Amino acid sequence: MTRVQPSEVRRARARDASSADAANHKLQGTQALAAAVPTNAAKPSEFGNAAQEPACGQNAEAADTAVTGSTLTEKSRSAKVGSGKLALGADSNRLSLDRVRTDASGQTLTTNQGVPVADNENSLKAGLSPNAVGSAATNS
């Protein structure tokens, strides 16, 4: 039986507390940001003729980048997610799709588990075939 060392328990508790603190910090920052702009003063300019050139809405600065990040792990670094450096103000969704295009020609079609699929000319469909529905209707 393996004994857990007290130092390992303390480190695990510290990690849990740190995660809870980070989540609480993000929550408090988000609430403060929402409180800074309680109403949209430019809302009337979004309707009627004024909507042709709506007024620029008010904004507020977040106290921390964690507040506007989508997750608390955005600063994490890995081969999958990249450097972990935040590109503040950048919106990668506005970039060309060329950065995510791939060429799979010459590749074997596989299942999600990586098993080659022998028949890529047909597809499976749920339910009865049209012939089965027609014959069932005529038999009743």
C-alpha atoms as a PDB file:
ATOM      1  CA  MET A   1       0.000   0.000   0.000  1.00  0.00           C
ATOM      2  CA  THR A   2       1.396   3.381  -1.014  1.00  0.00           C
ATOM      3  CA  ARG A   3       1.299   6.106   1.604  1.00  0.00           C
ATOM      4  CA  VAL A   4       0.573   9.637   0.521  1.00  0.00           C
ATOM      5  CA  GLN A   5       3.135  11.990   1.966  1.00  0.00           C
ATOM      6  CA  PRO A   6       1.826  15.018   3.883  1.00  0.00           C
ATOM      7  CA  SER A   7       3.810  17.311   1.571  1.00  0.00           C
ATOM      8  CA  GLU A   8       1.927  15.883  -1.452  1.00  0.00           C
ATOM      9  CA  VAL A   9      -1.385  16.510   0.285  1.00  0.00           C
ATOM     10  CA  ARG A  10      -0.375  20.104   1.043  1.00  0.00           C
ATOM     11  CA  ARG A  11       0.640  20.687  -2.592  1.00  0.00           C
ATOM     12  CA  ALA A  12      -2.662  19.222  -3.845  1.00  0.00           C
ATOM     13  CA  ARG A  13      -4.644  21.421  -1.455  1.00  0.00           C
ATOM     14  CA  ALA A  14      -2.632  24.463  -2.529  1.00  0.00           C
ATOM     15  CA  ARG A  15      -3.405  23.706  -6.214  1.00  0.00           C
ATOM     16  CA  ASP A  16      -7.112  23.353  -5.420  1.00  0.00           C
ATOM     17  CA  ALA A  17      -7.110  26.609  -3.449  1.00  0.00           C
ATOM     18  CA  SER A  18      -5.216  28.364  -6.243  1.00  0.00           C
ATOM     19  CA  SER A  19      -7.777  27.179  -8.823  1.00  0.00           C
ATOM     20  CA  ALA A  20     -10.644  28.322  -6.620  1.00  0.00           C
ATOM     21  CA  ASP A  21      -8.945  31.684  -6.084  1.00  0.00           C
ATOM     22  CA  ALA A  22      -8.435  32.115  -9.839  1.00  0.00           C
ATOM     23  CA  ALA A  23     -12.074  31.277 -10.575  1.00  0.00           C
ATOM     24  CA  ASN A  24     -13.266  33.621  -7.836  1.00  0.00           C
ATOM     25  CA  HIS A  25     -10.967  36.369  -9.139  1.00  0.00           C
ATOM     26  CA  LYS A  26     -12.385  35.924 -12.669  1.00  0.00           C
ATOM     27  CA  LEU A  27     -15.948  35.995 -11.333  1.00  0.00           C
ATOM     28  CA  GLN A  28     -15.383  39.152  -9.286  1.00  0.00           C
ATOM     29  CA  GLY A  29     -13.663  40.857 -12.222  1.00  0.00           C
ATOM     30  CA  THR A  30     -16.516  39.916 -14.550  1.00  0.00           C
ATOM     31  CA  GLN A  31     -19.083  41.307 -12.112  1.00  0.00           C
ATOM     32  CA  ALA A  32     -17.102  44.547 -11.757  1.00  0.00           C
ATOM     33  CA  LEU A  33     -16.877  44.886 -15.549  1.00  0.00           C
ATOM     34  CA  ALA A  34     -20.634  44.342 -15.926  1.00  0.00           C
ATOM     35  CA  ALA A  35     -21.337  46.866 -13.151  1.00  0.00           C
ATOM     36  CA  ALA A  36     -19.188  49.467 -14.934  1.00  0.00           C
ATOM     37  CA  VAL A  37     -21.664  49.532 -17.852  1.00  0.00           C
ATOM     38  CA  PRO A  38     -25.098  48.933 -16.296  1.00  0.00           C
ATOM     39  CA  THR A  39     -27.062  50.163 -19.337  1.00  0.00           C
ATOM     40  CA  ASN A  40     -26.466  50.680 -23.032  1.00  0.00           C
ATOM     41  CA  ALA A  41     -26.773  54.437 -23.514  1.00  0.00           C
ATOM     42  CA  ALA A  42     -26.415  53.992 -27.283  1.00  0.00           C
ATOM     43  CA  LYS A  43     -29.389  51.612 -27.555  1.00  0.00           C
ATOM     44  CA  PRO A  44     -31.773  54.196 -29.098  1.00  0.00           C
ATOM     45  CA  SER A  45     -29.323  54.661 -31.986  1.00  0.00           C
ATOM     46  CA  GLU A  46     -29.827  51.019 -32.992  1.00  0.00           C
ATOM     47  CA  PHE A  47     -33.375  51.567 -34.269  1.00  0.00           C
ATOM     48  CA  GLY A  48     -35.057  53.444 -37.106  1.00  0.00           C
ATOM     49  CA  ASN A  49     -33.097  55.876 -39.257  1.00  0.00           C
ATOM     50  CA  ALA A  50     -30.464  56.241 -36.536  1.00  0.00           C
ATOM     51  CA  ALA A  51     -29.467  52.607 -37.170  1.00  0.00           C
ATOM     52  CA  GLN A  52     -27.880  53.736 -40.456  1.00  0.00           C
ATOM     53  CA  GLU A  53     -25.006  55.140 -38.387  1.00  0.00           C
ATOM     54  CA  PRO A  54     -25.350  53.879 -34.803  1.00  0.00           C
ATOM     55  CA  ALA A  55     -23.426  55.620 -32.055  1.00  0.00           C
ATOM     56  CA  CYS A  56     -20.343  53.939 -30.653  1.00  0.00           C
ATOM     57  CA  GLY A  57     -21.286  52.262 -27.386  1.00  0.00           C
ATOM     58  CA  GLN A  58     -19.498  52.888 -24.111  1.00  0.00           C
ATOM     59  CA  ASN A  59     -16.860  50.485 -22.907  1.00  0.00           C
ATOM     60  CA  ALA A  60     -14.885  49.664 -19.804  1.00  0.00           C
ATOM     61  CA  GLU A  61     -11.456  48.158 -19.255  1.00  0.00           C
ATOM     62  CA  ALA A  62     -11.142  44.815 -17.491  1.00  0.00           C
ATOM     63  CA  ALA A  63      -8.832  44.831 -14.484  1.00  0.00           C
ATOM     64  CA  ASP A  64      -7.186  41.578 -15.612  1.00  0.00           C
ATOM     65  CA  THR A  65      -6.898  39.611 -18.868  1.00  0.00           C
ATOM     66  CA  ALA A  66      -8.366  36.571 -17.098  1.00  0.00           C
ATOM     67  CA  VAL A  67     -11.696  38.412 -16.951  1.00  0.00           C
ATOM     68  CA  THR A  68     -12.085  38.614 -20.729  1.00  0.00           C
ATOM     69  CA  GLY A  69     -10.463  35.254 -21.496  1.00  0.00           C
ATOM     70  CA  SER A  70     -12.725  32.366 -22.410  1.00  0.00           C
ATOM     71  CA  THR A  71     -11.095  29.996 -19.907  1.00  0.00           C
ATOM     72  CA  LEU A  72      -8.718  30.151 -16.980  1.00  0.00           C
ATOM     73  CA  THR A  73      -6.257  27.894 -18.805  1.00  0.00           C
ATOM     74  CA  GLU A  74      -5.581  30.260 -21.713  1.00  0.00           C
ATOM     75  CA  LYS A  75      -2.126  30.986 -20.326  1.00  0.00           C
ATOM     76  CA  SER A  76      -1.304  27.266 -20.301  1.00  0.00           C
ATOM     77  CA  ARG A  77       1.274  26.110 -22.807  1.00  0.00           C
ATOM     78  CA  SER A  78       1.253  22.850 -24.775  1.00  0.00           C
ATOM     79  CA  ALA A  79       1.923  21.455 -28.229  1.00  0.00           C
ATOM     80  CA  LYS A  80      -1.822  21.491 -28.915  1.00  0.00           C
ATOM     81  CA  VAL A  81      -2.760  24.995 -27.723  1.00  0.00           C
ATOM     82  CA  GLY A  82       0.479  26.791 -28.505  1.00  0.00           C
ATOM     83  CA  SER A  83       2.650  29.203 -26.568  1.00  0.00           C
ATOM     84  CA  GLY A  84       0.059  30.304 -24.039  1.00  0.00           C
ATOM     85  CA  LYS A  85       0.843  33.958 -24.754  1.00  0.00           C
ATOM     86  CA  LEU A  86      -2.289  36.022 -25.036  1.00  0.00           C
ATOM     87  CA  ALA A  87      -2.678  38.107 -28.174  1.00  0.00           C
ATOM     88  CA  LEU A  88      -4.660  40.912 -26.574  1.00  0.00           C
ATOM     89  CA  GLY A  89      -7.060  42.628 -28.924  1.00  0.00           C
ATOM     90  CA  ALA A  90      -6.568  40.013 -31.643  1.00  0.00           C
ATOM     91  CA  ASP A  91      -9.464  37.974 -32.983  1.00  0.00           C
ATOM     92  CA  SER A  92      -8.154  34.924 -34.821  1.00  0.00           C
ATOM     93  CA  ASN A  93     -11.683  34.196 -36.049  1.00  0.00           C
ATOM     94  CA  ARG A  94     -11.374  37.151 -38.419  1.00  0.00           C
ATOM     95  CA  LEU A  95      -8.350  35.672 -40.190  1.00  0.00           C
ATOM     96  CA  SER A  96      -8.450  33.797 -43.475  1.00  0.00           C
ATOM     97  CA  LEU A  97      -9.530  30.166 -43.362  1.00  0.00           C
ATOM     98  CA  ASP A  98      -6.322  29.230 -45.206  1.00  0.00           C
ATOM     99  CA  ARG A  99      -4.648  28.784 -41.807  1.00  0.00           C
ATOM    100  CA  VAL A 100      -6.899  25.783 -41.047  1.00  0.00           C
ATOM    101  CA  ARG A 101      -7.339  24.227 -44.491  1.00  0.00           C
ATOM    102  CA  THR A 102      -5.870  20.756 -45.006  1.00  0.00           C
ATOM    103  CA  ASP A 103      -5.414  18.446 -47.943  1.00  0.00           C
ATOM    104  CA  ALA A 104      -6.462  14.874 -47.174  1.00  0.00           C
ATOM    105  CA  SER A 105      -6.232  13.598 -50.765  1.00  0.00           C
ATOM    106  CA  GLY A 106      -4.464  10.275 -50.913  1.00  0.00           C
ATOM    107  CA  GLN A 107      -5.318   9.581 -47.260  1.00  0.00           C
ATOM    108  CA  THR A 108      -7.273   6.490 -46.263  1.00  0.00           C
ATOM    109  CA  LEU A 109     -10.703   7.265 -44.863  1.00  0.00           C
ATOM    110  CA  THR A 110     -10.805   6.104 -41.236  1.00  0.00           C
ATOM    111  CA  THR A 111     -13.200   6.001 -38.329  1.00  0.00           C
ATOM    112  CA  ASN A 112     -12.629   8.170 -35.251  1.00  0.00           C
ATOM    113  CA  GLN A 113     -10.676   5.254 -33.806  1.00  0.00           C
ATOM    114  CA  GLY A 114      -8.325   5.147 -36.832  1.00  0.00           C
ATOM    115  CA  VAL A 115      -9.757   1.962 -38.378  1.00  0.00           C
ATOM    116  CA  PRO A 116      -9.718   2.162 -42.205  1.00  0.00           C
ATOM    117  CA  VAL A 117     -13.160   2.336 -43.847  1.00  0.00           C
ATOM    118  CA  ALA A 118     -13.406  -0.025 -46.842  1.00  0.00           C
ATOM    119  CA  ASP A 119     -16.523   1.427 -48.478  1.00  0.00           C
ATOM    120  CA  ASN A 120     -16.454   5.187 -48.920  1.00  0.00           C
ATOM    121  CA  GLU A 121     -18.964   5.236 -51.776  1.00  0.00           C
ATOM    122  CA  ASN A 122     -22.109   4.732 -49.675  1.00  0.00           C
ATOM    123  CA  SER A 123     -23.494   6.045 -46.423  1.00  0.00           C
ATOM    124  CA  LEU A 124     -25.638   4.488 -43.745  1.00  0.00           C
ATOM    125  CA  LYS A 125     -28.995   5.989 -42.950  1.00  0.00           C
ATOM    126  CA  ALA A 126     -31.178   5.458 -39.906  1.00  0.00           C
ATOM    127  CA  GLY A 127     -34.716   4.184 -40.349  1.00  0.00           C
ATOM    128  CA  LEU A 128     -36.473   2.275 -43.092  1.00  0.00           C
ATOM    129  CA  SER A 129     -35.538   2.569 -46.753  1.00  0.00           C
ATOM    130  CA  PRO A 130     -38.104   4.197 -49.072  1.00  0.00           C
ATOM    131  CA  ASN A 131     -38.821   0.758 -50.606  1.00  0.00           C
ATOM    132  CA  ALA A 132     -39.591  -0.727 -47.195  1.00  0.00           C
ATOM    133  CA  VAL A 133     -41.949   2.156 -46.373  1.00  0.00           C
ATOM    134  CA  GLY A 134     -43.746   1.793 -49.735  1.00  0.00           C
ATOM    135  CA  SER A 135     -44.139  -1.964 -49.409  1.00  0.00           C
ATOM    136  CA  ALA A 136     -45.364  -1.631 -45.827  1.00  0.00           C
ATOM    137  CA  ALA A 137     -48.015   0.830 -46.957  1.00  0.00           C
ATOM    138  CA  THR A 138     -49.270  -1.445 -49.727  1.00  0.00           C
ATOM    139  CA  ASN A 139     -49.441  -4.470 -47.420  1.00  0.00           C
ATOM    140  CA  SER A 140     -51.796  -2.796 -44.969  1.00  0.00           C
END
